[in-house]
Full PDB file with SEQRES, HELIX, SHEET, SSBOND, CRYST1, ORIGX, SCALE, CONECT and MASTER records, all heavy atoms in Angstrom:
SEQRES   1 A   30  LEU ARG GLU LYS ILE GLU GLU MET SER ASP ILE TYR ASP          
SEQRES   2 A   30  LEU HIS GLU ALA MET GLN GLU GLY THR ARG PHE PHE THR          
SEQRES   3 A   30  SER SER GLN ALA                                              
HELIX    1 AA1 ARG A    2  GLY A   21  1                                  20    
CRYST1    1.000    1.000    1.000  90.00  90.00  90.00 P 1           1          
ORIGX1      1.000000  0.000000  0.000000        0.00000                         
ORIGX2      0.000000  1.000000  0.000000        0.00000                         
ORIGX3      0.000000  0.000000  1.000000        0.00000                         
SCALE1      1.000000  0.000000  0.000000        0.00000                         
SCALE2      0.000000  1.000000  0.000000        0.00000                         
SCALE3      0.000000  0.000000  1.000000        0.00000                         
ATOM      1  N   LEU A   1      -0.589 -17.518 -14.722  1.00  0.00           N  
ATOM      2  CA  LEU A   1      -1.611 -16.856 -13.901  1.00  0.00           C  
ATOM      3  C   LEU A   1      -1.146 -16.676 -12.462  1.00  0.00           C  
ATOM      4  O   LEU A   1      -1.351 -15.610 -11.862  1.00  0.00           O  
ATOM      5  CB  LEU A   1      -2.916 -17.655 -13.924  1.00  0.00           C  
ATOM      6  CG  LEU A   1      -3.767 -17.484 -15.166  1.00  0.00           C  
ATOM      7  CD1 LEU A   1      -4.923 -18.488 -15.151  1.00  0.00           C  
ATOM      8  CD2 LEU A   1      -4.294 -16.069 -15.270  1.00  0.00           C  
ATOM      9  N   ARG A   2      -0.522 -17.698 -11.906  1.00  0.00           N  
ATOM     10  CA  ARG A   2      -0.020 -17.581 -10.525  1.00  0.00           C  
ATOM     11  C   ARG A   2       1.006 -16.456 -10.402  1.00  0.00           C  
ATOM     12  O   ARG A   2       0.967 -15.658  -9.470  1.00  0.00           O  
ATOM     13  CB  ARG A   2       0.585 -18.899 -10.054  1.00  0.00           C  
ATOM     14  CG  ARG A   2      -0.416 -19.971  -9.766  1.00  0.00           C  
ATOM     15  CD  ARG A   2       0.243 -21.231  -9.204  1.00  0.00           C  
ATOM     16  NE  ARG A   2      -0.703 -22.298  -9.060  1.00  0.00           N  
ATOM     17  CZ  ARG A   2      -1.567 -22.414  -8.042  1.00  0.00           C  
ATOM     18  NH1 ARG A   2      -1.592 -21.506  -7.091  1.00  0.00           N  
ATOM     19  NH2 ARG A   2      -2.396 -23.443  -7.983  1.00  0.00           N  
ATOM     20  N   GLU A   3       1.928 -16.399 -11.356  1.00  0.00           N  
ATOM     21  CA  GLU A   3       2.952 -15.350 -11.328  1.00  0.00           C  
ATOM     22  C   GLU A   3       2.332 -13.966 -11.482  1.00  0.00           C  
ATOM     23  O   GLU A   3       2.702 -13.027 -10.770  1.00  0.00           O  
ATOM     24  CB  GLU A   3       3.976 -15.579 -12.439  1.00  0.00           C  
ATOM     25  CG  GLU A   3       4.915 -16.732 -12.173  1.00  0.00           C  
ATOM     26  CD  GLU A   3       5.899 -16.964 -13.307  1.00  0.00           C  
ATOM     27  OE1 GLU A   3       6.173 -16.013 -14.065  1.00  0.00           O  
ATOM     28  OE2 GLU A   3       6.385 -18.103 -13.430  1.00  0.00           O  
ATOM     29  N   LYS A   4       1.379 -13.828 -12.399  1.00  0.00           N  
ATOM     30  CA  LYS A   4       0.754 -12.530 -12.636  1.00  0.00           C  
ATOM     31  C   LYS A   4      -0.078 -12.090 -11.438  1.00  0.00           C  
ATOM     32  O   LYS A   4      -0.049 -10.928 -11.046  1.00  0.00           O  
ATOM     33  CB  LYS A   4      -0.107 -12.577 -13.898  1.00  0.00           C  
ATOM     34  CG  LYS A   4      -0.572 -11.228 -14.349  1.00  0.00           C  
ATOM     35  CD  LYS A   4       0.611 -10.358 -14.732  1.00  0.00           C  
ATOM     36  CE  LYS A   4       0.185  -9.021 -15.247  1.00  0.00           C  
ATOM     37  NZ  LYS A   4       1.313  -8.153 -15.578  1.00  0.00           N  
ATOM     38  N   ILE A   5      -0.809 -13.018 -10.836  1.00  0.00           N  
ATOM     39  CA  ILE A   5      -1.601 -12.683  -9.653  1.00  0.00           C  
ATOM     40  C   ILE A   5      -0.696 -12.233  -8.518  1.00  0.00           C  
ATOM     41  O   ILE A   5      -0.983 -11.250  -7.822  1.00  0.00           O  
ATOM     42  CB  ILE A   5      -2.488 -13.875  -9.233  1.00  0.00           C  
ATOM     43  CG1 ILE A   5      -3.614 -14.054 -10.252  1.00  0.00           C  
ATOM     44  CG2 ILE A   5      -3.032 -13.698  -7.821  1.00  0.00           C  
ATOM     45  CD1 ILE A   5      -4.403 -15.344 -10.084  1.00  0.00           C  
ATOM     46  N   GLU A   6       0.420 -12.928  -8.310  1.00  0.00           N  
ATOM     47  CA  GLU A   6       1.362 -12.533  -7.260  1.00  0.00           C  
ATOM     48  C   GLU A   6       1.941 -11.148  -7.546  1.00  0.00           C  
ATOM     49  O   GLU A   6       2.034 -10.300  -6.658  1.00  0.00           O  
ATOM     50  CB  GLU A   6       2.484 -13.554  -7.135  1.00  0.00           C  
ATOM     51  CG  GLU A   6       3.423 -13.256  -5.991  1.00  0.00           C  
ATOM     52  CD  GLU A   6       4.469 -14.334  -5.788  1.00  0.00           C  
ATOM     53  OE1 GLU A   6       4.238 -15.496  -6.160  1.00  0.00           O  
ATOM     54  OE2 GLU A   6       5.537 -13.984  -5.246  1.00  0.00           O  
ATOM     55  N   GLU A   7       2.325 -10.909  -8.793  1.00  0.00           N  
ATOM     56  CA  GLU A   7       2.872  -9.612  -9.183  1.00  0.00           C  
ATOM     57  C   GLU A   7       1.859  -8.495  -8.958  1.00  0.00           C  
ATOM     58  O   GLU A   7       2.184  -7.450  -8.380  1.00  0.00           O  
ATOM     59  CB  GLU A   7       3.267  -9.656 -10.658  1.00  0.00           C  
ATOM     60  CG  GLU A   7       3.740  -8.338 -11.223  1.00  0.00           C  
ATOM     61  CD  GLU A   7       3.936  -8.416 -12.728  1.00  0.00           C  
ATOM     62  OE1 GLU A   7       4.448  -9.442 -13.227  1.00  0.00           O  
ATOM     63  OE2 GLU A   7       3.560  -7.444 -13.408  1.00  0.00           O  
ATOM     64  N   MET A   8       0.623  -8.718  -9.382  1.00  0.00           N  
ATOM     65  CA  MET A   8      -0.407  -7.692  -9.219  1.00  0.00           C  
ATOM     66  C   MET A   8      -0.745  -7.471  -7.750  1.00  0.00           C  
ATOM     67  O   MET A   8      -1.006  -6.342  -7.324  1.00  0.00           O  
ATOM     68  CB  MET A   8      -1.647  -8.055 -10.028  1.00  0.00           C  
ATOM     69  CG  MET A   8      -1.395  -7.997 -11.519  1.00  0.00           C  
ATOM     70  SD  MET A   8      -2.812  -8.515 -12.499  1.00  0.00           S  
ATOM     71  CE  MET A   8      -3.832  -7.056 -12.340  1.00  0.00           C  
ATOM     72  N   SER A   9      -0.714  -8.532  -6.959  1.00  0.00           N  
ATOM     73  CA  SER A   9      -0.955  -8.417  -5.529  1.00  0.00           C  
ATOM     74  C   SER A   9       0.146  -7.590  -4.863  1.00  0.00           C  
ATOM     75  O   SER A   9      -0.127  -6.729  -4.012  1.00  0.00           O  
ATOM     76  CB  SER A   9      -1.028  -9.801  -4.901  1.00  0.00           C  
ATOM     77  OG  SER A   9      -1.235  -9.707  -3.516  1.00  0.00           O  
ATOM     78  N   ASP A  10       1.399  -7.827  -5.265  1.00  0.00           N  
ATOM     79  CA  ASP A  10       2.516  -7.044  -4.725  1.00  0.00           C  
ATOM     80  C   ASP A  10       2.379  -5.573  -5.091  1.00  0.00           C  
ATOM     81  O   ASP A  10       2.636  -4.697  -4.268  1.00  0.00           O  
ATOM     82  CB  ASP A  10       3.849  -7.583  -5.249  1.00  0.00           C  
ATOM     83  CG  ASP A  10       4.215  -8.936  -4.668  1.00  0.00           C  
ATOM     84  OD1 ASP A  10       3.582  -9.345  -3.665  1.00  0.00           O  
ATOM     85  OD2 ASP A  10       5.121  -9.585  -5.224  1.00  0.00           O  
ATOM     86  N   ILE A  11       1.984  -5.297  -6.327  1.00  0.00           N  
ATOM     87  CA  ILE A  11       1.796  -3.907  -6.766  1.00  0.00           C  
ATOM     88  C   ILE A  11       0.687  -3.249  -5.953  1.00  0.00           C  
ATOM     89  O   ILE A  11       0.826  -2.117  -5.501  1.00  0.00           O  
ATOM     90  CB  ILE A  11       1.496  -3.849  -8.274  1.00  0.00           C  
ATOM     91  CG1 ILE A  11       2.742  -4.235  -9.062  1.00  0.00           C  
ATOM     92  CG2 ILE A  11       0.989  -2.470  -8.684  1.00  0.00           C  
ATOM     93  CD1 ILE A  11       2.502  -4.458 -10.535  1.00  0.00           C  
ATOM     94  N   TYR A  12      -0.402  -3.970  -5.735  1.00  0.00           N  
ATOM     95  CA  TYR A  12      -1.504  -3.439  -4.937  1.00  0.00           C  
ATOM     96  C   TYR A  12      -1.047  -3.154  -3.510  1.00  0.00           C  
ATOM     97  O   TYR A  12      -1.335  -2.086  -2.961  1.00  0.00           O  
ATOM     98  CB  TYR A  12      -2.676  -4.423  -4.930  1.00  0.00           C  
ATOM     99  CG  TYR A  12      -3.817  -3.982  -4.060  1.00  0.00           C  
ATOM    100  CD1 TYR A  12      -4.720  -3.024  -4.501  1.00  0.00           C  
ATOM    101  CD2 TYR A  12      -3.984  -4.504  -2.780  1.00  0.00           C  
ATOM    102  CE1 TYR A  12      -5.758  -2.597  -3.688  1.00  0.00           C  
ATOM    103  CE2 TYR A  12      -5.018  -4.092  -1.966  1.00  0.00           C  
ATOM    104  CZ  TYR A  12      -5.907  -3.135  -2.429  1.00  0.00           C  
ATOM    105  OH  TYR A  12      -6.931  -2.712  -1.608  1.00  0.00           O  
ATOM    106  N   ASP A  13      -0.331  -4.110  -2.917  1.00  0.00           N  
ATOM    107  CA  ASP A  13       0.168  -3.914  -1.552  1.00  0.00           C  
ATOM    108  C   ASP A  13       1.099  -2.713  -1.470  1.00  0.00           C  
ATOM    109  O   ASP A  13       1.032  -1.930  -0.515  1.00  0.00           O  
ATOM    110  CB  ASP A  13       0.900  -5.162  -1.062  1.00  0.00           C  
ATOM    111  CG  ASP A  13      -0.033  -6.329  -0.809  1.00  0.00           C  
ATOM    112  OD1 ASP A  13      -1.260  -6.125  -0.734  1.00  0.00           O  
ATOM    113  OD2 ASP A  13       0.480  -7.465  -0.693  1.00  0.00           O  
ATOM    114  N   LEU A  14       1.970  -2.548  -2.456  1.00  0.00           N  
ATOM    115  CA  LEU A  14       2.882  -1.408  -2.488  1.00  0.00           C  
ATOM    116  C   LEU A  14       2.104  -0.112  -2.600  1.00  0.00           C  
ATOM    117  O   LEU A  14       2.379   0.856  -1.891  1.00  0.00           O  
ATOM    118  CB  LEU A  14       3.869  -1.537  -3.644  1.00  0.00           C  
ATOM    119  CG  LEU A  14       4.842  -0.372  -3.829  1.00  0.00           C  
ATOM    120  CD1 LEU A  14       5.691  -0.167  -2.574  1.00  0.00           C  
ATOM    121  CD2 LEU A  14       5.717  -0.607  -5.047  1.00  0.00           C  
ATOM    122  N   HIS A  15       1.109  -0.101  -3.472  1.00  0.00           N  
ATOM    123  CA  HIS A  15       0.273   1.101  -3.635  1.00  0.00           C  
ATOM    124  C   HIS A  15      -0.412   1.457  -2.317  1.00  0.00           C  
ATOM    125  O   HIS A  15      -0.427   2.621  -1.913  1.00  0.00           O  
ATOM    126  CB  HIS A  15      -0.756   0.876  -4.741  1.00  0.00           C  
ATOM    127  CG  HIS A  15      -1.705   2.011  -4.923  1.00  0.00           C  
ATOM    128  ND1 HIS A  15      -1.323   3.206  -5.505  1.00  0.00           N  
ATOM    129  CD2 HIS A  15      -3.001   2.151  -4.581  1.00  0.00           C  
ATOM    130  CE1 HIS A  15      -2.362   4.023  -5.513  1.00  0.00           C  
ATOM    131  NE2 HIS A  15      -3.387   3.405  -4.964  1.00  0.00           N  
ATOM    132  N   GLU A  16      -0.975   0.451  -1.650  1.00  0.00           N  
ATOM    133  CA  GLU A  16      -1.629   0.691  -0.365  1.00  0.00           C  
ATOM    134  C   GLU A  16      -0.639   1.231   0.668  1.00  0.00           C  
ATOM    135  O   GLU A  16      -0.941   2.140   1.425  1.00  0.00           O  
ATOM    136  CB  GLU A  16      -2.285  -0.596   0.148  1.00  0.00           C  
ATOM    137  CG  GLU A  16      -3.505  -1.008  -0.630  1.00  0.00           C  
ATOM    138  CD  GLU A  16      -4.642  -0.027  -0.454  1.00  0.00           C  
ATOM    139  OE1 GLU A  16      -5.014   0.268   0.697  1.00  0.00           O  
ATOM    140  OE2 GLU A  16      -5.148   0.452  -1.484  1.00  0.00           O  
ATOM    141  N   ALA A  17       0.554   0.657   0.714  1.00  0.00           N  
ATOM    142  CA  ALA A  17       1.573   1.112   1.662  1.00  0.00           C  
ATOM    143  C   ALA A  17       1.984   2.544   1.376  1.00  0.00           C  
ATOM    144  O   ALA A  17       2.185   3.340   2.297  1.00  0.00           O  
ATOM    145  CB  ALA A  17       2.790   0.193   1.605  1.00  0.00           C  
ATOM    146  N   MET A  18       2.104   2.886   0.088  1.00  0.00           N  
ATOM    147  CA  MET A  18       2.474   4.257  -0.274  1.00  0.00           C  
ATOM    148  C   MET A  18       1.361   5.231   0.105  1.00  0.00           C  
ATOM    149  O   MET A  18       1.630   6.322   0.599  1.00  0.00           O  
ATOM    150  CB  MET A  18       2.774   4.341  -1.769  1.00  0.00           C  
ATOM    151  CG  MET A  18       4.071   3.647  -2.143  1.00  0.00           C  
ATOM    152  SD  MET A  18       4.352   3.541  -3.923  1.00  0.00           S  
ATOM    153  CE  MET A  18       4.401   5.265  -4.370  1.00  0.00           C  
ATOM    154  N   GLN A  19       0.115   4.816  -0.095  1.00  0.00           N  
ATOM    155  CA  GLN A  19      -1.005   5.672   0.298  1.00  0.00           C  
ATOM    156  C   GLN A  19      -1.005   5.877   1.810  1.00  0.00           C  
ATOM    157  O   GLN A  19      -1.219   6.974   2.295  1.00  0.00           O  
ATOM    158  CB  GLN A  19      -2.342   5.057  -0.150  1.00  0.00           C  
ATOM    159  CG  GLN A  19      -2.548   5.048  -1.637  1.00  0.00           C  
ATOM    160  CD  GLN A  19      -2.643   6.444  -2.209  1.00  0.00           C  
ATOM    161  OE1 GLN A  19      -3.086   7.376  -1.560  1.00  0.00           O  
ATOM    162  NE2 GLN A  19      -2.192   6.588  -3.439  1.00  0.00           N  
ATOM    163  N   GLU A  20      -0.757   4.807   2.521  1.00  0.00           N  
ATOM    164  CA  GLU A  20      -0.728   4.869   3.988  1.00  0.00           C  
ATOM    165  C   GLU A  20       0.428   5.760   4.446  1.00  0.00           C  
ATOM    166  O   GLU A  20       0.285   6.547   5.376  1.00  0.00           O  
ATOM    167  CB  GLU A  20      -0.576   3.464   4.565  1.00  0.00           C  
ATOM    168  CG  GLU A  20      -0.643   3.375   6.062  1.00  0.00           C  
ATOM    169  CD  GLU A  20      -2.034   3.613   6.622  1.00  0.00           C  
ATOM    170  OE1 GLU A  20      -3.020   3.471   5.894  1.00  0.00           O  
ATOM    171  OE2 GLU A  20      -2.112   3.947   7.818  1.00  0.00           O  
ATOM    172  N   GLY A  21       1.548   5.672   3.787  1.00  0.00           N  
ATOM    173  CA  GLY A  21       2.724   6.434   4.188  1.00  0.00           C  
ATOM    174  C   GLY A  21       2.663   7.907   3.831  1.00  0.00           C  
ATOM    175  O   GLY A  21       3.425   8.701   4.368  1.00  0.00           O  
ATOM    176  N   THR A  22       1.757   8.301   2.950  1.00  0.00           N  
ATOM    177  CA  THR A  22       1.697   9.701   2.539  1.00  0.00           C  
ATOM    178  C   THR A  22       0.527  10.461   3.144  1.00  0.00           C  
ATOM    179  O   THR A  22       0.321  11.612   2.831  1.00  0.00           O  
ATOM    180  CB  THR A  22       1.612   9.807   1.000  1.00  0.00           C  
ATOM    181  OG1 THR A  22       0.459   9.098   0.556  1.00  0.00           O  
ATOM    182  CG2 THR A  22       2.861   9.261   0.347  1.00  0.00           C  
ATOM    183  N   ARG A  23      -0.223   9.807   3.999  1.00  0.00           N  
ATOM    184  CA  ARG A  23      -1.333  10.501   4.639  1.00  0.00           C  
ATOM    185  C   ARG A  23      -0.805  11.402   5.752  1.00  0.00           C  
ATOM    186  O   ARG A  23       0.190  11.106   6.400  1.00  0.00           O  
ATOM    187  CB  ARG A  23      -2.315   9.499   5.226  1.00  0.00           C  
ATOM    188  CG  ARG A  23      -3.042   8.724   4.168  1.00  0.00           C  
ATOM    189  CD  ARG A  23      -4.093   7.850   4.801  1.00  0.00           C  
ATOM    190  NE  ARG A  23      -4.729   7.071   3.767  1.00  0.00           N  
ATOM    191  CZ  ARG A  23      -5.108   5.823   3.927  1.00  0.00           C  
ATOM    192  NH1 ARG A  23      -4.936   5.219   5.078  1.00  0.00           N  
ATOM    193  NH2 ARG A  23      -5.677   5.178   2.946  1.00  0.00           N  
ATOM    194  N   PHE A  24      -1.510  12.482   5.978  1.00  0.00           N  
ATOM    195  CA  PHE A  24      -1.155  13.393   7.058  1.00  0.00           C  
ATOM    196  C   PHE A  24      -2.057  13.118   8.251  1.00  0.00           C  
ATOM    197  O   PHE A  24      -3.250  12.913   8.113  1.00  0.00           O  
ATOM    198  CB  PHE A  24      -1.313  14.846   6.610  1.00  0.00           C  
ATOM    199  CG  PHE A  24      -0.310  15.245   5.584  1.00  0.00           C  
ATOM    200  CD1 PHE A  24      -0.624  15.240   4.236  1.00  0.00           C  
ATOM    201  CD2 PHE A  24       0.973  15.627   5.960  1.00  0.00           C  
ATOM    202  CE1 PHE A  24       0.306  15.603   3.287  1.00  0.00           C  
ATOM    203  CE2 PHE A  24       1.913  15.991   5.022  1.00  0.00           C  
ATOM    204  CZ  PHE A  24       1.580  15.976   3.675  1.00  0.00           C  
ATOM    205  N   PHE A  25      -1.445  13.077   9.419  1.00  0.00           N  
ATOM    206  CA  PHE A  25      -2.178  12.823  10.647  1.00  0.00           C  
ATOM    207  C   PHE A  25      -1.875  13.934  11.638  1.00  0.00           C  
ATOM    208  O   PHE A  25      -0.768  14.479  11.661  1.00  0.00           O  
ATOM    209  CB  PHE A  25      -1.749  11.488  11.282  1.00  0.00           C  
ATOM    210  CG  PHE A  25      -1.998  10.296  10.413  1.00  0.00           C  
ATOM    211  CD1 PHE A  25      -0.977   9.740   9.655  1.00  0.00           C  
ATOM    212  CD2 PHE A  25      -3.259   9.727  10.352  1.00  0.00           C  
ATOM    213  CE1 PHE A  25      -1.212   8.643   8.860  1.00  0.00           C  
ATOM    214  CE2 PHE A  25      -3.498   8.617   9.555  1.00  0.00           C  
ATOM    215  CZ  PHE A  25      -2.463   8.078   8.806  1.00  0.00           C  
ATOM    216  N   THR A  26      -2.861  14.218  12.467  1.00  0.00           N  
ATOM    217  CA  THR A  26      -2.600  15.119  13.581  1.00  0.00           C  
ATOM    218  C   THR A  26      -1.709  14.379  14.563  1.00  0.00           C  
ATOM    219  O   THR A  26      -1.576  13.150  14.505  1.00  0.00           O  
ATOM    220  CB  THR A  26      -3.911  15.525  14.283  1.00  0.00           C  
ATOM    221  OG1 THR A  26      -4.489  14.372  14.874  1.00  0.00           O  
ATOM    222  CG2 THR A  26      -4.883  16.170  13.313  1.00  0.00           C  
ATOM    223  N   SER A  27      -1.110  15.087  15.482  1.00  0.00           N  
ATOM    224  CA  SER A  27      -0.223  14.428  16.441  1.00  0.00           C  
ATOM    225  C   SER A  27      -0.974  13.408  17.283  1.00  0.00           C  
ATOM    226  O   SER A  27      -0.461  12.336  17.591  1.00  0.00           O  
ATOM    227  CB  SER A  27       0.476  15.452  17.331  1.00  0.00           C  
ATOM    228  OG  SER A  27      -0.487  16.195  18.046  1.00  0.00           O  
ATOM    229  N   SER A  28      -2.220  13.696  17.661  1.00  0.00           N  
ATOM    230  CA  SER A  28      -2.993  12.740  18.458  1.00  0.00           C  
ATOM    231  C   SER A  28      -3.339  11.498  17.633  1.00  0.00           C  
ATOM    232  O   SER A  28      -3.317  10.370  18.139  1.00  0.00           O  
ATOM    233  CB  SER A  28      -4.265  13.379  19.008  1.00  0.00           C  
ATOM    234  OG  SER A  28      -5.098  13.829  17.965  1.00  0.00           O  
ATOM    235  N   GLN A  29      -3.610  11.668  16.337  1.00  0.00           N  
ATOM    236  CA  GLN A  29      -3.884  10.519  15.470  1.00  0.00           C  
ATOM    237  C   GLN A  29      -2.613   9.670  15.339  1.00  0.00           C  
ATOM    238  O   GLN A  29      -2.676   8.444  15.372  1.00  0.00           O  
ATOM    239  CB  GLN A  29      -4.347  10.955  14.087  1.00  0.00           C  
ATOM    240  CG  GLN A  29      -5.756  11.520  14.064  1.00  0.00           C  
ATOM    241  CD  GLN A  29      -6.092  12.091  12.703  1.00  0.00           C  
ATOM    242  OE1 GLN A  29      -5.259  12.739  12.066  1.00  0.00           O  
ATOM    243  NE2 GLN A  29      -7.324  11.876  12.274  1.00  0.00           N  
ATOM    244  N   ALA A  30      -1.481  10.327  15.172  1.00  0.00           N  
ATOM    245  CA  ALA A  30      -0.218   9.608  15.008  1.00  0.00           C  
ATOM    246  C   ALA A  30       0.125   8.823  16.275  1.00  0.00           C  
ATOM    247  O   ALA A  30       0.587   7.689  16.201  1.00  0.00           O  
ATOM    248  CB  ALA A  30       0.900  10.582  14.673  1.00  0.00           C  
TER     249      ALA A  30                                                      
MASTER        0    0    0    1    0    0    0    6  248    1    0    3          
END                                                                             
């Protein structure tokens, strides 16, 4: 369970980072 929770947490964090990295921002937002 500890290993699976860590793995799933890493996948979630990666997904969030990818979502954050693919958003478009105006220059003032950036």
